Amino acid sequence: MPEGDTVHRTADRLHRALAGQVVERADLRWPSVPDVDLTGSVTTEVVARGKHVLHRFDTGATLHTHLRMEGQWRIEHPGPATDRALRRTDLRAAVLTAPWSAVGLRLGMLDLVPTAREGDLVGHLGPDVLGPDWDPDEVTRRVTGSPRLVGDVLLDQRVLAGVGTFWASELLFIERVNPWTPAATLDPEAVRHLLDRLQRLMSTAAATGWQGSTGIQRAGEEAYVHARSGRPCRRCGDTVRVALTGEAPRQRTLFSCPTCQGGLAPTDDGRPQRPLGTTGRGRSPGYGRGRR
């Protein structure tokens, strides 16, 4: 699932292409969306809130979308490129203006609501790591005040918005924190340091379009542990592990190094894990699941 840095970058591209432009045509292919004609309205801004995109119009309406696992917004030139996009069976939304067309493919959520009612959709979210409401002191209080495991807390969008399994796994590895540590046992100063690093890493990714934590931009070398289960740890050489965290049915996968981060997950039986993409026995719970 695209995480906050990707979603903020998406919203920024949409804003730069569409802000101030008159909608010549809008096509919303979602059964629950009200039959509202957006033709003639003007985009005032497109912003991100955590993993959500909010496209606001001067009519007081907001087009809310969430990419989920496979969704994307593309900017196309009017003409043949837009015509081809409109014929796609996975098209979920299109907003067409004279200079640019915004095309939403395989979107996971879509709503058209009054801008004043955006809170019904995103009001539950915690401070956005990349947003103007980011408050590391408040998030530190939320994290250390939780009775849950730190890996679960970082993935909870109600605590802080925008973090997924990539950034949670990478951040906890860099800081040598076991994802299955009770959050309430962590030192608040250490949590504040962790959150400051998270904000720097995600800000860099949003600015550059390159999601990585190692500083290496070669394909396959962007991450320390994420999606590297069954492979050697880049720091100590032990085998990176993957395990499920959270309560069913909303369990997620986290990657970690048991040597660098102080042990196995409670759900990890210790059996050998093959690298992702290979087949065979010895797979632990959560093996082979992609980024969420």
C-alpha atoms as a PDB file:
ATOM      1  CA  MET A   1       0.000   0.000   0.000  1.00  0.00           C
ATOM      2  CA  PRO A   2       1.424   3.443  -0.875  1.00  0.00           C
ATOM      3  CA  GLU A   3       2.460   5.242   2.285  1.00  0.00           C
ATOM      4  CA  GLY A   4       2.266   8.885   3.284  1.00  0.00           C
ATOM      5  CA  ASP A   5       5.273  10.084   1.291  1.00  0.00           C
ATOM      6  CA  THR A   6       3.870   8.611  -1.933  1.00  0.00           C
ATOM      7  CA  VAL A   7       0.386   9.971  -1.271  1.00  0.00           C
ATOM      8  CA  HIS A   8       1.667  13.470  -0.487  1.00  0.00           C
ATOM      9  CA  ARG A   9       3.699  13.430  -3.678  1.00  0.00           C
ATOM     10  CA  THR A  10       0.608  12.295  -5.610  1.00  0.00           C
ATOM     11  CA  ALA A  11      -1.504  15.096  -4.140  1.00  0.00           C
ATOM     12  CA  ASP A  12       1.199  17.641  -4.962  1.00  0.00           C
ATOM     13  CA  ARG A  13       1.306  16.524  -8.611  1.00  0.00           C
ATOM     14  CA  LEU A  14      -2.471  16.722  -8.868  1.00  0.00           C
ATOM     15  CA  HIS A  15      -2.505  20.170  -7.271  1.00  0.00           C
ATOM     16  CA  ARG A  16       0.158  21.578  -9.593  1.00  0.00           C
ATOM     17  CA  ALA A  17      -1.677  20.243 -12.646  1.00  0.00           C
ATOM     18  CA  LEU A  18      -5.264  21.099 -11.692  1.00  0.00           C
ATOM     19  CA  ALA A  19      -5.387  23.994  -9.224  1.00  0.00           C
ATOM     20  CA  GLY A  20      -7.250  26.944 -10.746  1.00  0.00           C
ATOM     21  CA  GLN A  21      -8.387  24.938 -13.759  1.00  0.00           C
ATOM     22  CA  VAL A  22     -12.012  24.590 -14.857  1.00  0.00           C
ATOM     23  CA  VAL A  23     -13.351  21.038 -15.006  1.00  0.00           C
ATOM     24  CA  GLU A  24     -14.470  20.291 -18.553  1.00  0.00           C
ATOM     25  CA  ARG A  25     -15.593  16.768 -17.739  1.00  0.00           C
ATOM     26  CA  ALA A  26     -15.619  14.451 -14.724  1.00  0.00           C
ATOM     27  CA  ASP A  27     -16.239  10.715 -14.766  1.00  0.00           C
ATOM     28  CA  LEU A  28     -16.713   9.046 -11.367  1.00  0.00           C
ATOM     29  CA  ARG A  29     -17.213   5.307 -11.735  1.00  0.00           C
ATOM     30  CA  TRP A  30     -18.183   4.388  -8.204  1.00  0.00           C
ATOM     31  CA  PRO A  31     -21.640   3.058  -7.334  1.00  0.00           C
ATOM     32  CA  SER A  32     -22.060   4.890  -4.008  1.00  0.00           C
ATOM     33  CA  VAL A  33     -21.046   8.337  -5.294  1.00  0.00           C
ATOM     34  CA  PRO A  34     -23.938  10.792  -5.722  1.00  0.00           C
ATOM     35  CA  ASP A  35     -24.807  11.819  -9.259  1.00  0.00           C
ATOM     36  CA  VAL A  36     -23.235  15.290  -9.154  1.00  0.00           C
ATOM     37  CA  ASP A  37     -22.038  17.083 -12.271  1.00  0.00           C
ATOM     38  CA  LEU A  38     -18.645  18.657 -11.580  1.00  0.00           C
ATOM     39  CA  THR A  39     -18.460  20.309 -15.011  1.00  0.00           C
ATOM     40  CA  GLY A  40     -17.647  23.995 -14.680  1.00  0.00           C
ATOM     41  CA  SER A  41     -16.278  23.748 -11.161  1.00  0.00           C
ATOM     42  CA  VAL A  42     -12.733  24.879 -10.397  1.00  0.00           C
ATOM     43  CA  THR A  43     -10.148  22.940  -8.413  1.00  0.00           C
ATOM     44  CA  THR A  44      -9.089  25.031  -5.441  1.00  0.00           C
ATOM     45  CA  GLU A  45      -6.528  22.599  -4.050  1.00  0.00           C
ATOM     46  CA  VAL A  46      -5.543  18.963  -3.772  1.00  0.00           C
ATOM     47  CA  VAL A  47      -4.025  17.907  -0.459  1.00  0.00           C
ATOM     48  CA  ALA A  48      -3.033  14.724   1.301  1.00  0.00           C
ATOM     49  CA  ARG A  49      -4.134  13.681   4.774  1.00  0.00           C
ATOM     50  CA  GLY A  50      -2.113  10.657   5.794  1.00  0.00           C
ATOM     51  CA  LYS A  51      -2.838   8.100   3.063  1.00  0.00           C
ATOM     52  CA  HIS A  52      -5.942   9.944   1.808  1.00  0.00           C
ATOM     53  CA  VAL A  53      -6.224  12.406  -1.114  1.00  0.00           C
ATOM     54  CA  LEU A  54      -8.668  15.320  -0.809  1.00  0.00           C
ATOM     55  CA  HIS A  55      -9.500  17.110  -4.093  1.00  0.00           C
ATOM     56  CA  ARG A  56     -11.414  20.302  -3.271  1.00  0.00           C
ATOM     57  CA  PHE A  57     -13.585  22.321  -5.670  1.00  0.00           C
ATOM     58  CA  ASP A  58     -14.901  25.884  -5.504  1.00  0.00           C
ATOM     59  CA  THR A  59     -18.444  24.509  -5.355  1.00  0.00           C
ATOM     60  CA  GLY A  60     -17.817  23.273  -1.811  1.00  0.00           C
ATOM     61  CA  ALA A  61     -17.407  19.643  -2.830  1.00  0.00           C
ATOM     62  CA  THR A  62     -14.454  17.346  -2.087  1.00  0.00           C
ATOM     63  CA  LEU A  63     -13.475  14.259  -4.039  1.00  0.00           C
ATOM     64  CA  HIS A  64     -11.920  11.895  -1.501  1.00  0.00           C
ATOM     65  CA  THR A  65      -9.856   8.920  -2.643  1.00  0.00           C
ATOM     66  CA  HIS A  66      -7.615   6.302  -1.071  1.00  0.00           C
ATOM     67  CA  LEU A  67      -5.161   4.267  -3.138  1.00  0.00           C
ATOM     68  CA  ARG A  68      -5.271   1.131  -0.952  1.00  0.00           C
ATOM     69  CA  MET A  69      -2.998  -1.587  -2.371  1.00  0.00           C
ATOM     70  CA  GLU A  70      -2.863  -0.922  -6.120  1.00  0.00           C
ATOM     71  CA  GLY A  71      -4.466   2.438  -6.812  1.00  0.00           C
ATOM     72  CA  GLN A  72      -2.807   5.362  -8.543  1.00  0.00           C
ATOM     73  CA  TRP A  73      -3.543   8.819  -9.907  1.00  0.00           C
ATOM     74  CA  ARG A  74      -1.957   9.654 -13.255  1.00  0.00           C
ATOM     75  CA  ILE A  75      -1.654  12.957 -15.071  1.00  0.00           C
ATOM     76  CA  GLU A  76      -2.274  12.647 -18.825  1.00  0.00           C
ATOM     77  CA  HIS A  77      -2.241  15.027 -21.764  1.00  0.00           C
ATOM     78  CA  PRO A  78      -5.647  15.667 -23.323  1.00  0.00           C
ATOM     79  CA  GLY A  79      -6.205  13.756 -26.536  1.00  0.00           C
ATOM     80  CA  PRO A  80      -5.201  10.170 -27.316  1.00  0.00           C
ATOM     81  CA  ALA A  81      -3.609   9.486 -23.917  1.00  0.00           C
ATOM     82  CA  THR A  82      -6.744  10.604 -22.088  1.00  0.00           C
ATOM     83  CA  ASP A  83      -8.999   8.757 -24.532  1.00  0.00           C
ATOM     84  CA  ARG A  84      -7.124   5.520 -23.907  1.00  0.00           C
ATOM     85  CA  ALA A  85      -7.359   6.007 -20.153  1.00  0.00           C
ATOM     86  CA  LEU A  86     -11.117   6.566 -20.335  1.00  0.00           C
ATOM     87  CA  ARG A  87     -11.513   3.193 -22.049  1.00  0.00           C
ATOM     88  CA  ARG A  88      -9.735   1.294 -19.293  1.00  0.00           C
ATOM     89  CA  THR A  89     -11.829  -1.143 -17.286  1.00  0.00           C
ATOM     90  CA  ASP A  90      -9.935  -0.272 -14.089  1.00  0.00           C
ATOM     91  CA  LEU A  91     -10.699   3.443 -14.364  1.00  0.00           C
ATOM     92  CA  ARG A  92     -12.455   4.674 -11.228  1.00  0.00           C
ATOM     93  CA  ALA A  93     -12.298   8.455 -11.626  1.00  0.00           C
ATOM     94  CA  ALA A  94     -11.267  11.074 -14.161  1.00  0.00           C
ATOM     95  CA  VAL A  95     -11.154  14.859 -13.871  1.00  0.00           C
ATOM     96  CA  LEU A  96     -10.498  16.514 -17.228  1.00  0.00           C
ATOM     97  CA  THR A  97      -9.361  20.104 -17.760  1.00  0.00           C
ATOM     98  CA  ALA A  98      -7.988  21.934 -20.802  1.00  0.00           C
ATOM     99  CA  PRO A  99      -4.285  21.497 -19.977  1.00  0.00           C
ATOM    100  CA  TRP A 100      -4.325  18.191 -18.071  1.00  0.00           C
ATOM    101  CA  SER A 101      -6.406  15.121 -17.285  1.00  0.00           C
ATOM    102  CA  ALA A 102      -6.249  13.412 -13.884  1.00  0.00           C
ATOM    103  CA  VAL A 103      -6.972   9.690 -14.131  1.00  0.00           C
ATOM    104  CA  GLY A 104      -7.569   7.490 -11.082  1.00  0.00           C
ATOM    105  CA  LEU A 105      -6.957   3.778 -11.642  1.00  0.00           C
ATOM    106  CA  ARG A 106      -7.748   0.870  -9.295  1.00  0.00           C
ATOM    107  CA  LEU A 107      -8.638   3.241  -6.468  1.00  0.00           C
ATOM    108  CA  GLY A 108      -9.540   1.579  -3.188  1.00  0.00           C
ATOM    109  CA  MET A 109     -11.938   4.229  -1.883  1.00  0.00           C
ATOM    110  CA  LEU A 110     -13.870   7.073  -3.512  1.00  0.00           C
ATOM    111  CA  ASP A 111     -16.338   9.531  -2.009  1.00  0.00           C
ATOM    112  CA  LEU A 112     -17.809  12.857  -3.081  1.00  0.00           C
ATOM    113  CA  VAL A 113     -18.783  14.874  -0.018  1.00  0.00           C
ATOM    114  CA  PRO A 114     -19.290  18.490   1.028  1.00  0.00           C
ATOM    115  CA  THR A 115     -15.904  19.939   1.961  1.00  0.00           C
ATOM    116  CA  ALA A 116     -17.350  20.832   5.361  1.00  0.00           C
ATOM    117  CA  ARG A 117     -17.939  17.089   5.958  1.00  0.00           C
ATOM    118  CA  GLU A 118     -14.389  15.893   5.210  1.00  0.00           C
ATOM    119  CA  GLY A 119     -14.001  15.145   8.896  1.00  0.00           C
ATOM    120  CA  ASP A 120     -16.492  12.303   8.523  1.00  0.00           C
ATOM    121  CA  LEU A 121     -13.873  10.541   6.388  1.00  0.00           C
ATOM    122  CA  VAL A 122     -10.521  11.643   7.806  1.00  0.00           C
ATOM    123  CA  GLY A 123     -11.349  13.137  11.191  1.00  0.00           C
ATOM    124  CA  HIS A 124     -10.257   9.962  12.977  1.00  0.00           C
ATOM    125  CA  LEU A 125      -6.668  10.304  11.763  1.00  0.00           C
ATOM    126  CA  GLY A 126      -3.843  11.286  14.068  1.00  0.00           C
ATOM    127  CA  PRO A 127      -1.253  13.964  13.254  1.00  0.00           C
ATOM    128  CA  ASP A 128       0.077  13.567   9.721  1.00  0.00           C
ATOM    129  CA  VAL A 129       3.824  12.886   9.620  1.00  0.00           C
ATOM    130  CA  LEU A 130       4.102  15.163   6.568  1.00  0.00           C
ATOM    131  CA  GLY A 131       1.250  17.535   7.326  1.00  0.00           C
ATOM    132  CA  PRO A 132       1.009  20.994   8.909  1.00  0.00           C
ATOM    133  CA  ASP A 133      -0.613  19.384  11.943  1.00  0.00           C
ATOM    134  CA  TRP A 134       2.450  17.240  12.728  1.00  0.00           C
ATOM    135  CA  ASP A 135       3.090  17.366  16.479  1.00  0.00           C
ATOM    136  CA  PRO A 136       5.860  14.986  17.605  1.00  0.00           C
ATOM    137  CA  ASP A 137       5.299  15.799  21.283  1.00  0.00           C
ATOM    138  CA  GLU A 138       1.636  14.825  21.034  1.00  0.00           C
ATOM    139  CA  VAL A 139       2.465  11.655  19.091  1.00  0.00           C
ATOM    140  CA  THR A 140       5.125  10.762  21.661  1.00  0.00           C
ATOM    141  CA  ARG A 141       2.440  10.965  24.354  1.00  0.00           C
ATOM    142  CA  ARG A 142       0.124   8.795  22.278  1.00  0.00           C
ATOM    143  CA  VAL A 143       2.779   6.165  21.619  1.00  0.00           C
ATOM    144  CA  THR A 144       4.087   5.887  25.181  1.00  0.00           C
ATOM    145  CA  GLY A 145       0.552   5.980  26.566  1.00  0.00           C
ATOM    146  CA  SER A 146      -0.574   2.974  24.532  1.00  0.00           C
ATOM    147  CA  PRO A 147      -0.853  -0.508  26.057  1.00  0.00           C
ATOM    148  CA  ARG A 148      -0.055  -2.092  22.681  1.00  0.00           C
ATOM    149  CA  LEU A 149       3.177  -3.108  20.966  1.00  0.00           C
ATOM    150  CA  VAL A 150       5.188  -0.336  19.336  1.00  0.00           C
ATOM    151  CA  GLY A 151       4.956  -1.876  15.866  1.00  0.00           C
ATOM    152  CA  ASP A 152       1.167  -1.928  16.115  1.00  0.00           C
ATOM    153  CA  VAL A 153       1.037   1.639  17.410  1.00  0.00           C
ATOM    154  CA  LEU A 154       3.154   3.046  14.575  1.00  0.00           C
ATOM    155  CA  LEU A 155       0.809   1.425  12.057  1.00  0.00           C
ATOM    156  CA  ASP A 156      -2.307   2.819  13.725  1.00  0.00           C
ATOM    157  CA  GLN A 157      -3.470   5.759  11.601  1.00  0.00           C
ATOM    158  CA  ARG A 158      -5.417   7.085  14.595  1.00  0.00           C
ATOM    159  CA  VAL A 159      -2.132   7.617  16.447  1.00  0.00           C
ATOM    160  CA  LEU A 160      -0.136   9.077  13.556  1.00  0.00           C
ATOM    161  CA  ALA A 161      -1.130   9.201   9.907  1.00  0.00           C
ATOM    162  CA  GLY A 162       0.896   8.075   6.907  1.00  0.00           C
ATOM    163  CA  VAL A 163       3.047   5.204   8.186  1.00  0.00           C
ATOM    164  CA  GLY A 164       2.804   1.735   6.653  1.00  0.00           C
ATOM    165  CA  THR A 165       4.820  -1.430   6.977  1.00  0.00           C
ATOM    166  CA  PHE A 166       7.769  -0.099   4.954  1.00  0.00           C
ATOM    167  CA  TRP A 167       8.494   2.876   7.186  1.00  0.00           C
ATOM    168  CA  ALA A 168       7.560   1.075  10.410  1.00  0.00           C
ATOM    169  CA  SER A 169       9.916  -1.823   9.639  1.00  0.00           C
ATOM    170  CA  GLU A 170      12.770   0.378   8.463  1.00  0.00           C
ATOM    171  CA  LEU A 171      12.494   2.912  11.263  1.00  0.00           C
ATOM    172  CA  LEU A 172      12.442   0.331  14.047  1.00  0.00           C
ATOM    173  CA  PHE A 173      15.437  -1.445  12.523  1.00  0.00           C
ATOM    174  CA  ILE A 174      17.456   1.758  12.218  1.00  0.00           C
ATOM    175  CA  GLU A 175      16.691   2.638  15.837  1.00  0.00           C
ATOM    176  CA  ARG A 176      17.327  -0.963  17.025  1.00  0.00           C
ATOM    177  CA  VAL A 177      13.851  -1.242  18.535  1.00  0.00           C
ATOM    178  CA  ASN A 178      12.078  -4.588  18.644  1.00  0.00           C
ATOM    179  CA  PRO A 179       8.673  -4.127  16.940  1.00  0.00           C
ATOM    180  CA  TRP A 180       7.070  -6.297  19.642  1.00  0.00           C
ATOM    181  CA  THR A 181       8.189  -4.108  22.543  1.00  0.00           C
ATOM    182  CA  PRO A 182       5.307  -2.731  24.642  1.00  0.00           C
ATOM    183  CA  ALA A 183       5.130   0.928  23.638  1.00  0.00           C
ATOM    184  CA  ALA A 184       4.540   2.073  27.212  1.00  0.00           C
ATOM    185  CA  THR A 185       7.964   0.740  28.269  1.00  0.00           C
ATOM    186  CA  LEU A 186       9.862   2.942  25.822  1.00  0.00           C
ATOM    187  CA  ASP A 187      11.675   6.055  27.001  1.00  0.00           C
ATOM    188  CA  PRO A 188       9.793   9.168  25.778  1.00  0.00           C
ATOM    189  CA  GLU A 189      13.037  10.812  24.657  1.00  0.00           C
ATOM    190  CA  ALA A 190      13.884   7.744  22.555  1.00  0.00           C
ATOM    191  CA  VAL A 191      10.398   7.813  21.014  1.00  0.00           C
ATOM    192  CA  ARG A 192      10.744  11.524  20.198  1.00  0.00           C
ATOM    193  CA  HIS A 193      14.107  10.814  18.542  1.00  0.00           C
ATOM    194  CA  LEU A 194      12.511   7.979  16.571  1.00  0.00           C
ATOM    195  CA  LEU A 195       9.672  10.235  15.381  1.00  0.00           C
ATOM    196  CA  ASP A 196      12.078  12.988  14.336  1.00  0.00           C
ATOM    197  CA  ARG A 197      14.002  10.498  12.201  1.00  0.00           C
ATOM    198  CA  LEU A 198      10.749   9.199  10.721  1.00  0.00           C
ATOM    199  CA  GLN A 199       9.698  12.698   9.705  1.00  0.00           C
ATOM    200  CA  ARG A 200      13.095  13.396   8.082  1.00  0.00           C
ATOM    201  CA  LEU A 201      13.099  10.123   6.137  1.00  0.00           C
ATOM    202  CA  MET A 202       9.536  10.494   4.872  1.00  0.00           C
ATOM    203  CA  SER A 203      10.052  14.173   3.980  1.00  0.00           C
ATOM    204  CA  THR A 204      13.074  13.250   1.882  1.00  0.00           C
ATOM    205  CA  ALA A 205      11.109  10.487   0.151  1.00  0.00           C
ATOM    206  CA  ALA A 206       8.210  12.846  -0.581  1.00  0.00           C
ATOM    207  CA  ALA A 207      10.577  15.458  -2.029  1.00  0.00           C
ATOM    208  CA  THR A 208      12.641  13.079  -4.170  1.00  0.00           C
ATOM    209  CA  GLY A 209      10.118  10.404  -5.133  1.00  0.00           C
ATOM    210  CA  TRP A 210      12.567   7.750  -3.978  1.00  0.00           C
ATOM    211  CA  GLN A 211      11.373   5.632  -1.048  1.00  0.00           C
ATOM    212  CA  GLY A 212      14.380   4.261   0.749  1.00  0.00           C
ATOM    213  CA  SER A 213      16.194   4.303   4.062  1.00  0.00           C
ATOM    214  CA  THR A 214      19.680   3.040   3.225  1.00  0.00           C
ATOM    215  CA  GLY A 215      20.802   6.007   1.152  1.00  0.00           C
ATOM    216  CA  ILE A 216      21.426   3.661  -1.792  1.00  0.00           C
ATOM    217  CA  GLN A 217      19.210   4.164  -4.826  1.00  0.00           C
ATOM    218  CA  ARG A 218      20.089   0.969  -6.672  1.00  0.00           C
ATOM    219  CA  ALA A 219      17.122  -1.344  -7.180  1.00  0.00           C
ATOM    220  CA  GLY A 220      16.880  -3.899  -4.416  1.00  0.00           C
ATOM    221  CA  GLU A 221      19.135  -1.977  -2.031  1.00  0.00           C
ATOM    222  CA  GLU A 222      16.731   0.703  -0.822  1.00  0.00           C
ATOM    223  CA  ALA A 223      15.701  -1.082   2.380  1.00  0.00           C
ATOM    224  CA  TYR A 224      17.461  -2.626   5.347  1.00  0.00           C
ATOM    225  CA  VAL A 225      14.808  -5.189   6.270  1.00  0.00           C
ATOM    226  CA  HIS A 226      11.510  -4.549   4.484  1.00  0.00           C
ATOM    227  CA  ALA A 227      10.700  -7.386   2.050  1.00  0.00           C
ATOM    228  CA  ARG A 228      14.100  -8.976   2.864  1.00  0.00           C
ATOM    229  CA  SER A 229      12.982 -11.887   5.037  1.00  0.00           C
ATOM    230  CA  GLY A 230      15.230 -14.908   4.607  1.00  0.00           C
ATOM    231  CA  ARG A 231      18.132 -12.716   3.513  1.00  0.00           C
ATOM    232  CA  PRO A 232      21.189 -11.560   5.480  1.00  0.00           C
ATOM    233  CA  CYS A 233      20.870  -8.467   7.627  1.00  0.00           C
ATOM    234  CA  ARG A 234      22.852  -5.622   6.088  1.00  0.00           C
ATOM    235  CA  ARG A 235      24.169  -4.710   9.534  1.00  0.00           C
ATOM    236  CA  CYS A 236      25.030  -7.996  11.299  1.00  0.00           C
ATOM    237  CA  GLY A 237      24.563 -10.802   8.761  1.00  0.00           C
ATOM    238  CA  ASP A 238      21.852 -12.654  10.693  1.00  0.00           C
ATOM    239  CA  THR A 239      18.692 -13.635   8.806  1.00  0.00           C
ATOM    240  CA  VAL A 240      15.960 -11.026   8.482  1.00  0.00           C
ATOM    241  CA  ARG A 241      12.571 -12.293   9.676  1.00  0.00           C
ATOM    242  CA  VAL A 242       8.952 -11.490   8.816  1.00  0.00           C
ATOM    243  CA  ALA A 243       6.002 -11.950  11.167  1.00  0.00           C
ATOM    244  CA  LEU A 244       2.418 -10.879  11.606  1.00  0.00           C
ATOM    245  CA  THR A 245       1.454  -8.232  14.114  1.00  0.00           C
ATOM    246  CA  GLY A 246      -1.879  -6.856  15.271  1.00  0.00           C
ATOM    247  CA  GLU A 247      -5.265  -8.402  15.838  1.00  0.00           C
ATOM    248  CA  ALA A 248      -7.168 -10.418  13.225  1.00  0.00           C
ATOM    249  CA  PRO A 249      -8.539  -9.600  10.735  1.00  0.00           C
ATOM    250  CA  ARG A 250      -6.370  -6.469  10.480  1.00  0.00           C
ATOM    251  CA  GLN A 251      -2.997  -8.138  10.898  1.00  0.00           C
ATOM    252  CA  ARG A 252       0.009  -6.641   9.149  1.00  0.00           C
ATOM    253  CA  THR A 253       3.509  -7.865   8.332  1.00  0.00           C
ATOM    254  CA  LEU A 254       6.649  -6.409   9.867  1.00  0.00           C
ATOM    255  CA  PHE A 255      10.241  -7.224   9.008  1.00  0.00           C
ATOM    256  CA  SER A 256      13.077  -7.207  11.537  1.00  0.00           C
ATOM    257  CA  CYS A 257      16.480  -8.602  12.468  1.00  0.00           C
ATOM    258  CA  PRO A 258      16.324 -10.671  15.685  1.00  0.00           C
ATOM    259  CA  THR A 259      19.978  -9.935  16.486  1.00  0.00           C
ATOM    260  CA  CYS A 260      19.919  -6.175  15.892  1.00  0.00           C
ATOM    261  CA  GLN A 261      16.465  -5.745  17.402  1.00  0.00           C
ATOM    262  CA  GLY A 262      16.503  -8.094  20.338  1.00  0.00           C
ATOM    263  CA  GLY A 263      14.625 -11.259  19.474  1.00  0.00           C
ATOM    264  CA  LEU A 264      11.869 -12.973  17.527  1.00  0.00           C
ATOM    265  CA  ALA A 265       8.242 -11.942  17.271  1.00  0.00           C
ATOM    266  CA  PRO A 266       5.782 -13.775  19.541  1.00  0.00           C
ATOM    267  CA  THR A 267       4.174 -15.215  16.401  1.00  0.00           C
ATOM    268  CA  ASP A 268       7.505 -16.352  14.900  1.00  0.00           C
ATOM    269  CA  ASP A 269       8.179 -20.046  15.501  1.00  0.00           C
ATOM    270  CA  GLY A 270      11.835 -19.687  14.527  1.00  0.00           C
ATOM    271  CA  ARG A 271      11.680 -22.017  11.541  1.00  0.00           C
ATOM    272  CA  PRO A 272      13.856 -21.125   8.545  1.00  0.00           C
ATOM    273  CA  GLN A 273      12.328 -18.540   6.238  1.00  0.00           C
ATOM    274  CA  ARG A 274      13.082 -18.516   2.549  1.00  0.00           C
ATOM    275  CA  PRO A 275      13.612 -15.205   0.765  1.00  0.00           C
ATOM    276  CA  LEU A 276      10.444 -13.592  -0.545  1.00  0.00           C
ATOM    277  CA  GLY A 277       9.600 -14.793  -4.017  1.00  0.00           C
ATOM    278  CA  THR A 278      10.930 -18.305  -3.499  1.00  0.00           C
ATOM    279  CA  THR A 279       8.888 -21.401  -2.753  1.00  0.00           C
ATOM    280  CA  GLY A 280       9.276 -24.261  -0.340  1.00  0.00           C
ATOM    281  CA  ARG A 281       8.539 -25.318   3.187  1.00  0.00           C
ATOM    282  CA  GLY A 282       9.516 -23.508   6.336  1.00  0.00           C
ATOM    283  CA  ARG A 283       7.427 -20.411   5.832  1.00  0.00           C
ATOM    284  CA  SER A 284       6.293 -18.617   8.954  1.00  0.00           C
ATOM    285  CA  PRO A 285       2.988 -16.781   9.428  1.00  0.00           C
ATOM    286  CA  GLY A 286       2.895 -13.697   7.232  1.00  0.00           C
ATOM    287  CA  TYR A 287       5.512 -15.013   4.833  1.00  0.00           C
ATOM    288  CA  GLY A 288       5.139 -13.734   1.293  1.00  0.00           C
ATOM    289  CA  ARG A 289       2.744 -10.897   2.100  1.00  0.00           C
ATOM    290  CA  GLY A 290       3.549  -7.643   0.403  1.00  0.00           C
ATOM    291  CA  ARG A 291       3.651  -4.080   1.722  1.00  0.00           C
ATOM    292  CA  ARG A 292       0.444  -2.916   3.376  1.00  0.00           C
END
